Amino acid sequence: MLNKNVNAELRSEIDLIINRIAHELVNEFGKSQYEAMELIKKSGVEKSLIRDRMGFHESPYNWALSILTDNDDFEALEKYLYH
């Protein structure tokens, strides 16, 4: 997505989890695909995964919750509380 200076396997894994996080943001929290990708970019998911691969053990749903919390998106988080 952003950083092209990572090996192909890591790049593939990062792209996969980013797509899954975007899927959660769209399907569970009502974001558009564009909004989801912007939130993911802004949150630094990719840099975090490059720095610490333990993030791959976190579920895409939990990543989405974290991203929304960091962005104070209370409207979307209410969907989580009342889901």
PDB file of N, CA and C in Angstrom:
ATOM      1  N   MET A   1       0.808  -1.184   0.000  1.00  0.00           N
ATOM      2  CA  MET A   1       0.000   0.000   0.000  1.00  0.00           C
ATOM      3  C   MET A   1       0.857   1.255   0.000  1.00  0.00           C
ATOM      4  N   LEU A   2       1.663   1.462   1.021  1.00  0.00           N
ATOM      5  CA  LEU A   2       2.478   2.672   1.095  1.00  0.00           C
ATOM      6  C   LEU A   2       3.953   2.371   0.885  1.00  0.00           C
ATOM      7  N   ASN A   3       4.512   1.603   1.774  1.00  0.00           N
ATOM      8  CA  ASN A   3       5.947   1.349   1.783  1.00  0.00           C
ATOM      9  C   ASN A   3       6.314   0.259   0.794  1.00  0.00           C
ATOM     10  N   LYS A   4       7.075   0.614  -0.210  1.00  0.00           N
ATOM     11  CA  LYS A   4       7.481  -0.347  -1.237  1.00  0.00           C
ATOM     12  C   LYS A   4       8.781  -1.055  -0.878  1.00  0.00           C
ATOM     13  N   ASN A   5       9.437  -0.639   0.205  1.00  0.00           N
ATOM     14  CA  ASN A   5      10.747  -1.179   0.572  1.00  0.00           C
ATOM     15  C   ASN A   5      10.655  -2.331   1.569  1.00  0.00           C
ATOM     16  N   VAL A   6       9.670  -3.192   1.417  1.00  0.00           N
ATOM     17  CA  VAL A   6       9.576  -4.386   2.248  1.00  0.00           C
ATOM     18  C   VAL A   6       9.547  -5.588   1.326  1.00  0.00           C
ATOM     19  N   ASN A   7       9.939  -6.745   1.854  1.00  0.00           N
ATOM     20  CA  ASN A   7       9.999  -7.930   0.993  1.00  0.00           C
ATOM     21  C   ASN A   7       8.603  -8.337   0.534  1.00  0.00           C
ATOM     22  N   ALA A   8       8.544  -9.114  -0.511  1.00  0.00           N
ATOM     23  CA  ALA A   8       7.277  -9.465  -1.160  1.00  0.00           C
ATOM     24  C   ALA A   8       6.327 -10.215  -0.227  1.00  0.00           C
ATOM     25  N   GLU A   9       6.861 -11.107   0.588  1.00  0.00           N
ATOM     26  CA  GLU A   9       6.007 -11.877   1.494  1.00  0.00           C
ATOM     27  C   GLU A   9       5.364 -10.968   2.536  1.00  0.00           C
ATOM     28  N   LEU A  10       6.164 -10.098   3.152  1.00  0.00           N
ATOM     29  CA  LEU A  10       5.634  -9.164   4.139  1.00  0.00           C
ATOM     30  C   LEU A  10       4.638  -8.209   3.486  1.00  0.00           C
ATOM     31  N   ARG A  11       4.966  -7.732   2.293  1.00  0.00           N
ATOM     32  CA  ARG A  11       4.068  -6.837   1.551  1.00  0.00           C
ATOM     33  C   ARG A  11       2.712  -7.497   1.336  1.00  0.00           C
ATOM     34  N   SER A  12       2.727  -8.768   0.959  1.00  0.00           N
ATOM     35  CA  SER A  12       1.502  -9.523   0.718  1.00  0.00           C
ATOM     36  C   SER A  12       0.681  -9.671   2.003  1.00  0.00           C
ATOM     37  N   GLU A  13       1.347  -9.983   3.096  1.00  0.00           N
ATOM     38  CA  GLU A  13       0.663 -10.132   4.384  1.00  0.00           C
ATOM     39  C   GLU A  13       0.057  -8.813   4.842  1.00  0.00           C
ATOM     40  N   ILE A  14       0.792  -7.723   4.677  1.00  0.00           N
ATOM     41  CA  ILE A  14       0.293  -6.402   5.064  1.00  0.00           C
ATOM     42  C   ILE A  14      -0.924  -6.034   4.212  1.00  0.00           C
ATOM     43  N   ASP A  15      -0.832  -6.252   2.911  1.00  0.00           N
ATOM     44  CA  ASP A  15      -1.956  -5.941   2.025  1.00  0.00           C
ATOM     45  C   ASP A  15      -3.195  -6.745   2.404  1.00  0.00           C
ATOM     46  N   LEU A  16      -2.999  -8.004   2.762  1.00  0.00           N
ATOM     47  CA  LEU A  16      -4.105  -8.865   3.138  1.00  0.00           C
ATOM     48  C   LEU A  16      -4.798  -8.355   4.398  1.00  0.00           C
ATOM     49  N   ILE A  17      -4.035  -8.036   5.427  1.00  0.00           N
ATOM     50  CA  ILE A  17      -4.668  -7.576   6.667  1.00  0.00           C
ATOM     51  C   ILE A  17      -5.300  -6.197   6.480  1.00  0.00           C
ATOM     52  N   ILE A  18      -4.690  -5.345   5.684  1.00  0.00           N
ATOM     53  CA  ILE A  18      -5.280  -4.034   5.420  1.00  0.00           C
ATOM     54  C   ILE A  18      -6.616  -4.198   4.701  1.00  0.00           C
ATOM     55  N   ASN A  19      -6.686  -5.101   3.747  1.00  0.00           N
ATOM     56  CA  ASN A  19      -7.956  -5.347   3.056  1.00  0.00           C
ATOM     57  C   ASN A  19      -9.013  -5.906   4.003  1.00  0.00           C
ATOM     58  N   ARG A  20      -8.597  -6.738   4.925  1.00  0.00           N
ATOM     59  CA  ARG A  20      -9.542  -7.302   5.901  1.00  0.00           C
ATOM     60  C   ARG A  20     -10.014  -6.236   6.892  1.00  0.00           C
ATOM     61  N   ILE A  21      -9.117  -5.349   7.290  1.00  0.00           N
ATOM     62  CA  ILE A  21      -9.507  -4.240   8.177  1.00  0.00           C
ATOM     63  C   ILE A  21     -10.496  -3.338   7.450  1.00  0.00           C
ATOM     64  N   ALA A  22     -10.206  -3.028   6.189  1.00  0.00           N
ATOM     65  CA  ALA A  22     -11.114  -2.195   5.397  1.00  0.00           C
ATOM     66  C   ALA A  22     -12.481  -2.862   5.283  1.00  0.00           C
ATOM     67  N   HIS A  23     -12.486  -4.164   5.086  1.00  0.00           N
ATOM     68  CA  HIS A  23     -13.739  -4.915   5.003  1.00  0.00           C
ATOM     69  C   HIS A  23     -14.563  -4.740   6.285  1.00  0.00           C
ATOM     70  N   GLU A  24     -13.904  -4.822   7.426  1.00  0.00           N
ATOM     71  CA  GLU A  24     -14.594  -4.633   8.704  1.00  0.00           C
ATOM     72  C   GLU A  24     -15.139  -3.214   8.833  1.00  0.00           C
ATOM     73  N   LEU A  25     -14.326  -2.239   8.459  1.00  0.00           N
ATOM     74  CA  LEU A  25     -14.778  -0.848   8.556  1.00  0.00           C
ATOM     75  C   LEU A  25     -15.986  -0.590   7.663  1.00  0.00           C
ATOM     76  N   VAL A  26     -16.021  -1.221   6.507  1.00  0.00           N
ATOM     77  CA  VAL A  26     -17.140  -1.043   5.574  1.00  0.00           C
ATOM     78  C   VAL A  26     -18.368  -1.812   6.058  1.00  0.00           C
ATOM     79  N   ASN A  27     -18.206  -3.091   6.322  1.00  0.00           N
ATOM     80  CA  ASN A  27     -19.359  -3.941   6.620  1.00  0.00           C
ATOM     81  C   ASN A  27     -19.902  -3.809   8.036  1.00  0.00           C
ATOM     82  N   GLU A  28     -19.041  -3.588   8.989  1.00  0.00           N
ATOM     83  CA  GLU A  28     -19.494  -3.517  10.377  1.00  0.00           C
ATOM     84  C   GLU A  28     -19.756  -2.093  10.865  1.00  0.00           C
ATOM     85  N   PHE A  29     -19.061  -1.126  10.269  1.00  0.00           N
ATOM     86  CA  PHE A  29     -19.150   0.233  10.793  1.00  0.00           C
ATOM     87  C   PHE A  29     -19.645   1.259   9.783  1.00  0.00           C
ATOM     88  N   GLY A  30     -20.051   0.806   8.618  1.00  0.00           N
ATOM     89  CA  GLY A  30     -20.710   1.675   7.655  1.00  0.00           C
ATOM     90  C   GLY A  30     -19.836   2.676   6.926  1.00  0.00           C
ATOM     91  N   LYS A  31     -18.553   2.455   6.900  1.00  0.00           N
ATOM     92  CA  LYS A  31     -17.655   3.361   6.173  1.00  0.00           C
ATOM     93  C   LYS A  31     -17.658   3.001   4.691  1.00  0.00           C
ATOM     94  N   SER A  32     -17.385   3.981   3.850  1.00  0.00           N
ATOM     95  CA  SER A  32     -17.197   3.675   2.429  1.00  0.00           C
ATOM     96  C   SER A  32     -15.799   3.079   2.279  1.00  0.00           C
ATOM     97  N   GLN A  33     -15.546   2.464   1.136  1.00  0.00           N
ATOM     98  CA  GLN A  33     -14.221   1.889   0.886  1.00  0.00           C
ATOM     99  C   GLN A  33     -13.152   2.979   0.955  1.00  0.00           C
ATOM    100  N   TYR A  34     -13.463   4.140   0.382  1.00  0.00           N
ATOM    101  CA  TYR A  34     -12.516   5.256   0.399  1.00  0.00           C
ATOM    102  C   TYR A  34     -12.248   5.715   1.838  1.00  0.00           C
ATOM    103  N   GLU A  35     -13.308   5.901   2.636  1.00  0.00           N
ATOM    104  CA  GLU A  35     -13.133   6.316   4.031  1.00  0.00           C
ATOM    105  C   GLU A  35     -12.300   5.296   4.801  1.00  0.00           C
ATOM    106  N   ALA A  36     -12.580   4.021   4.577  1.00  0.00           N
ATOM    107  CA  ALA A  36     -11.858   2.962   5.281  1.00  0.00           C
ATOM    108  C   ALA A  36     -10.368   3.023   4.971  1.00  0.00           C
ATOM    109  N   MET A  37     -10.038   3.157   3.702  1.00  0.00           N
ATOM    110  CA  MET A  37      -8.622   3.193   3.322  1.00  0.00           C
ATOM    111  C   MET A  37      -7.936   4.450   3.855  1.00  0.00           C
ATOM    112  N   GLU A  38      -8.633   5.567   3.868  1.00  0.00           N
ATOM    113  CA  GLU A  38      -8.057   6.801   4.424  1.00  0.00           C
ATOM    114  C   GLU A  38      -7.808   6.658   5.923  1.00  0.00           C
ATOM    115  N   LEU A  39      -8.751   6.064   6.635  1.00  0.00           N
ATOM    116  CA  LEU A  39      -8.563   5.843   8.067  1.00  0.00           C
ATOM    117  C   LEU A  39      -7.375   4.922   8.331  1.00  0.00           C
ATOM    118  N   ILE A  40      -7.249   3.888   7.528  1.00  0.00           N
ATOM    119  CA  ILE A  40      -6.138   2.942   7.691  1.00  0.00           C
ATOM    120  C   ILE A  40      -4.810   3.635   7.432  1.00  0.00           C
ATOM    121  N   LYS A  41      -4.739   4.423   6.367  1.00  0.00           N
ATOM    122  CA  LYS A  41      -3.501   5.161   6.071  1.00  0.00           C
ATOM    123  C   LYS A  41      -3.153   6.110   7.203  1.00  0.00           C
ATOM    124  N   LYS A  42      -4.156   6.863   7.654  1.00  0.00           N
ATOM    125  CA  LYS A  42      -3.947   7.859   8.706  1.00  0.00           C
ATOM    126  C   LYS A  42      -3.499   7.208  10.022  1.00  0.00           C
ATOM    127  N   SER A  43      -3.969   6.005  10.268  1.00  0.00           N
ATOM    128  CA  SER A  43      -3.679   5.346  11.544  1.00  0.00           C
ATOM    129  C   SER A  43      -2.286   4.748  11.630  1.00  0.00           C
ATOM    130  N   GLY A  44      -1.636   4.557  10.488  1.00  0.00           N
ATOM    131  CA  GLY A  44      -0.284   4.005  10.518  1.00  0.00           C
ATOM    132  C   GLY A  44      -0.221   2.507  10.724  1.00  0.00           C
ATOM    133  N   VAL A  45      -1.257   1.802  10.307  1.00  0.00           N
ATOM    134  CA  VAL A  45      -1.289   0.345  10.448  1.00  0.00           C
ATOM    135  C   VAL A  45      -0.061  -0.288   9.796  1.00  0.00           C
ATOM    136  N   GLU A  46       0.238   0.146   8.585  1.00  0.00           N
ATOM    137  CA  GLU A  46       1.350  -0.454   7.848  1.00  0.00           C
ATOM    138  C   GLU A  46       2.672  -0.288   8.594  1.00  0.00           C
ATOM    139  N   LYS A  47       2.953   0.910   9.051  1.00  0.00           N
ATOM    140  CA  LYS A  47       4.200   1.152   9.783  1.00  0.00           C
ATOM    141  C   LYS A  47       4.249   0.320  11.057  1.00  0.00           C
ATOM    142  N   SER A  48       3.103   0.218  11.714  1.00  0.00           N
ATOM    143  CA  SER A  48       3.026  -0.566  12.941  1.00  0.00           C
ATOM    144  C   SER A  48       3.345  -2.037  12.673  1.00  0.00           C
ATOM    145  N   LEU A  49       2.809  -2.577  11.579  1.00  0.00           N
ATOM    146  CA  LEU A  49       3.055  -3.984  11.247  1.00  0.00           C
ATOM    147  C   LEU A  49       4.494  -4.234  10.824  1.00  0.00           C
ATOM    148  N   ILE A  50       5.099  -3.266  10.166  1.00  0.00           N
ATOM    149  CA  ILE A  50       6.502  -3.400   9.774  1.00  0.00           C
ATOM    150  C   ILE A  50       7.394  -3.386  11.014  1.00  0.00           C
ATOM    151  N   ARG A  51       7.056  -2.513  11.959  1.00  0.00           N
ATOM    152  CA  ARG A  51       7.836  -2.372  13.188  1.00  0.00           C
ATOM    153  C   ARG A  51       7.676  -3.584  14.113  1.00  0.00           C
ATOM    154  N   ASP A  52       6.426  -4.051  14.239  1.00  0.00           N
ATOM    155  CA  ASP A  52       6.144  -5.127  15.191  1.00  0.00           C
ATOM    156  C   ASP A  52       5.146  -6.103  14.573  1.00  0.00           C
ATOM    157  N   ARG A  53       5.631  -7.246  14.192  1.00  0.00           N
ATOM    158  CA  ARG A  53       4.793  -8.221  13.490  1.00  0.00           C
ATOM    159  C   ARG A  53       3.768  -8.898  14.392  1.00  0.00           C
ATOM    160  N   MET A  54       3.807  -8.629  15.684  1.00  0.00           N
ATOM    161  CA  MET A  54       2.791  -9.175  16.585  1.00  0.00           C
ATOM    162  C   MET A  54       1.404  -8.642  16.220  1.00  0.00           C
ATOM    163  N   GLY A  55       1.368  -7.513  15.531  1.00  0.00           N
ATOM    164  CA  GLY A  55       0.094  -6.938  15.100  1.00  0.00           C
ATOM    165  C   GLY A  55      -0.677  -7.845  14.165  1.00  0.00           C
ATOM    166  N   PHE A  56       0.010  -8.779  13.513  1.00  0.00           N
ATOM    167  CA  PHE A  56      -0.668  -9.722  12.630  1.00  0.00           C
ATOM    168  C   PHE A  56      -1.546 -10.695  13.416  1.00  0.00           C
ATOM    169  N   HIS A  57      -1.302 -10.798  14.714  1.00  0.00           N
ATOM    170  CA  HIS A  57      -2.089 -11.695  15.556  1.00  0.00           C
ATOM    171  C   HIS A  57      -3.372 -11.038  16.042  1.00  0.00           C
ATOM    172  N   GLU A  58      -3.499  -9.757  15.821  1.00  0.00           N
ATOM    173  CA  GLU A  58      -4.707  -9.020  16.199  1.00  0.00           C
ATOM    174  C   GLU A  58      -5.742  -9.205  15.095  1.00  0.00           C
ATOM    175  N   SER A  59      -6.997  -9.348  15.478  1.00  0.00           N
ATOM    176  CA  SER A  59      -8.034  -9.554  14.461  1.00  0.00           C
ATOM    177  C   SER A  59      -8.297  -8.247  13.701  1.00  0.00           C
ATOM    178  N   PRO A  60      -8.713  -8.357  12.439  1.00  0.00           N
ATOM    179  CA  PRO A  60      -9.071  -7.161  11.674  1.00  0.00           C
ATOM    180  C   PRO A  60     -10.171  -6.346  12.358  1.00  0.00           C
ATOM    181  N   TYR A  61     -11.087  -7.029  13.015  1.00  0.00           N
ATOM    182  CA  TYR A  61     -12.166  -6.335  13.734  1.00  0.00           C
ATOM    183  C   TYR A  61     -11.590  -5.476  14.857  1.00  0.00           C
ATOM    184  N   ASN A  62     -10.648  -6.032  15.611  1.00  0.00           N
ATOM    185  CA  ASN A  62     -10.024  -5.265  16.694  1.00  0.00           C
ATOM    186  C   ASN A  62      -9.198  -4.104  16.152  1.00  0.00           C
ATOM    187  N   TRP A  63      -8.522  -4.322  15.020  1.00  0.00           N
ATOM    188  CA  TRP A  63      -7.807  -3.221  14.372  1.00  0.00           C
ATOM    189  C   TRP A  63      -8.794  -2.105  14.028  1.00  0.00           C
ATOM    190  N   ALA A  64      -9.937  -2.482  13.450  1.00  0.00           N
ATOM    191  CA  ALA A  64     -10.935  -1.489  13.059  1.00  0.00           C
ATOM    192  C   ALA A  64     -11.416  -0.701  14.279  1.00  0.00           C
ATOM    193  N   LEU A  65     -11.692  -1.390  15.369  1.00  0.00           N
ATOM    194  CA  LEU A  65     -12.114  -0.709  16.604  1.00  0.00           C
ATOM    195  C   LEU A  65     -11.041   0.264  17.084  1.00  0.00           C
ATOM    196  N   SER A  66      -9.811  -0.173  17.039  1.00  0.00           N
ATOM    197  CA  SER A  66      -8.700   0.674  17.468  1.00  0.00           C
ATOM    198  C   SER A  66      -8.581   1.922  16.592  1.00  0.00           C
ATOM    199  N   ILE A  67      -8.705   1.729  15.299  1.00  0.00           N
ATOM    200  CA  ILE A  67      -8.612   2.850  14.354  1.00  0.00           C
ATOM    201  C   ILE A  67      -9.732   3.857  14.614  1.00  0.00           C
ATOM    202  N   LEU A  68     -10.946   3.361  14.800  1.00  0.00           N
ATOM    203  CA  LEU A  68     -12.080   4.248  15.057  1.00  0.00           C
ATOM    204  C   LEU A  68     -11.930   4.971  16.390  1.00  0.00           C
ATOM    205  N   THR A  69     -11.427   4.281  17.390  1.00  0.00           N
ATOM    206  CA  THR A  69     -11.207   4.895  18.701  1.00  0.00           C
ATOM    207  C   THR A  69     -10.150   5.990  18.609  1.00  0.00           C
ATOM    208  N   ASP A  70      -9.058   5.707  17.924  1.00  0.00           N
ATOM    209  CA  ASP A  70      -7.991   6.697  17.761  1.00  0.00           C
ATOM    210  C   ASP A  70      -8.467   7.944  17.030  1.00  0.00           C
ATOM    211  N   ASN A  71      -9.476   7.777  16.167  1.00  0.00           N
ATOM    212  CA  ASN A  71      -9.999   8.897  15.386  1.00  0.00           C
ATOM    213  C   ASN A  71     -11.251   9.512  16.015  1.00  0.00           C
ATOM    214  N   ASP A  72     -11.571   9.097  17.233  1.00  0.00           N
ATOM    215  CA  ASP A  72     -12.737   9.617  17.955  1.00  0.00           C
ATOM    216  C   ASP A  72     -14.006   9.552  17.110  1.00  0.00           C
ATOM    217  N   ASP A  73     -14.175   8.466  16.390  1.00  0.00           N
ATOM    218  CA  ASP A  73     -15.355   8.278  15.544  1.00  0.00           C
ATOM    219  C   ASP A  73     -16.456   7.632  16.384  1.00  0.00           C
ATOM    220  N   PHE A  74     -17.070   8.445  17.226  1.00  0.00           N
ATOM    221  CA  PHE A  74     -18.053   7.942  18.177  1.00  0.00           C
ATOM    222  C   PHE A  74     -19.310   7.410  17.492  1.00  0.00           C
ATOM    223  N   GLU A  75     -19.678   7.998  16.372  1.00  0.00           N
ATOM    224  CA  GLU A  75     -20.861   7.530  15.644  1.00  0.00           C
ATOM    225  C   GLU A  75     -20.674   6.088  15.181  1.00  0.00           C
ATOM    226  N   ALA A  76     -19.533   5.793  14.596  1.00  0.00           N
ATOM    227  CA  ALA A  76     -19.259   4.432  14.145  1.00  0.00           C
ATOM    228  C   ALA A  76     -19.111   3.476  15.321  1.00  0.00           C
ATOM    229  N   LEU A  77     -18.504   3.950  16.410  1.00  0.00           N
ATOM    230  CA  LEU A  77     -18.324   3.091  17.574  1.00  0.00           C
ATOM    231  C   LEU A  77     -19.650   2.745  18.238  1.00  0.00           C
ATOM    232  N   GLU A  78     -20.634   3.635  18.137  1.00  0.00           N
ATOM    233  CA  GLU A  78     -21.957   3.331  18.677  1.00  0.00           C
ATOM    234  C   GLU A  78     -22.543   2.107  18.006  1.00  0.00           C
ATOM    235  N   LYS A  79     -22.237   1.920  16.725  1.00  0.00           N
ATOM    236  CA  LYS A  79     -22.710   0.732  16.015  1.00  0.00           C
ATOM    237  C   LYS A  79     -22.141  -0.524  16.676  1.00  0.00           C
ATOM    238  N   TYR A  80     -20.905  -0.430  17.160  1.00  0.00           N
ATOM    239  CA  TYR A  80     -20.285  -1.550  17.865  1.00  0.00           C
ATOM    240  C   TYR A  80     -21.004  -1.810  19.189  1.00  0.00           C
ATOM    241  N   LEU A  81     -21.300  -0.768  19.923  1.00  0.00           N
ATOM    242  CA  LEU A  81     -21.924  -0.922  21.223  1.00  0.00           C
ATOM    243  C   LEU A  81     -23.334  -1.488  21.131  1.00  0.00           C
ATOM    244  N   TYR A  82     -24.042  -1.124  20.075  1.00  0.00           N
ATOM    245  CA  TYR A  82     -25.428  -1.566  19.932  1.00  0.00           C
ATOM    246  C   TYR A  82     -25.600  -2.685  18.923  1.00  0.00           C
ATOM    247  N   HIS A  83     -24.491  -3.288  18.532  1.00  0.00           N
ATOM    248  CA  HIS A  83     -24.507  -4.369  17.530  1.00  0.00           C
ATOM    249  C   HIS A  83     -24.914  -5.670  18.162  1.00  0.00           C
TER     250      HIS A  83
END
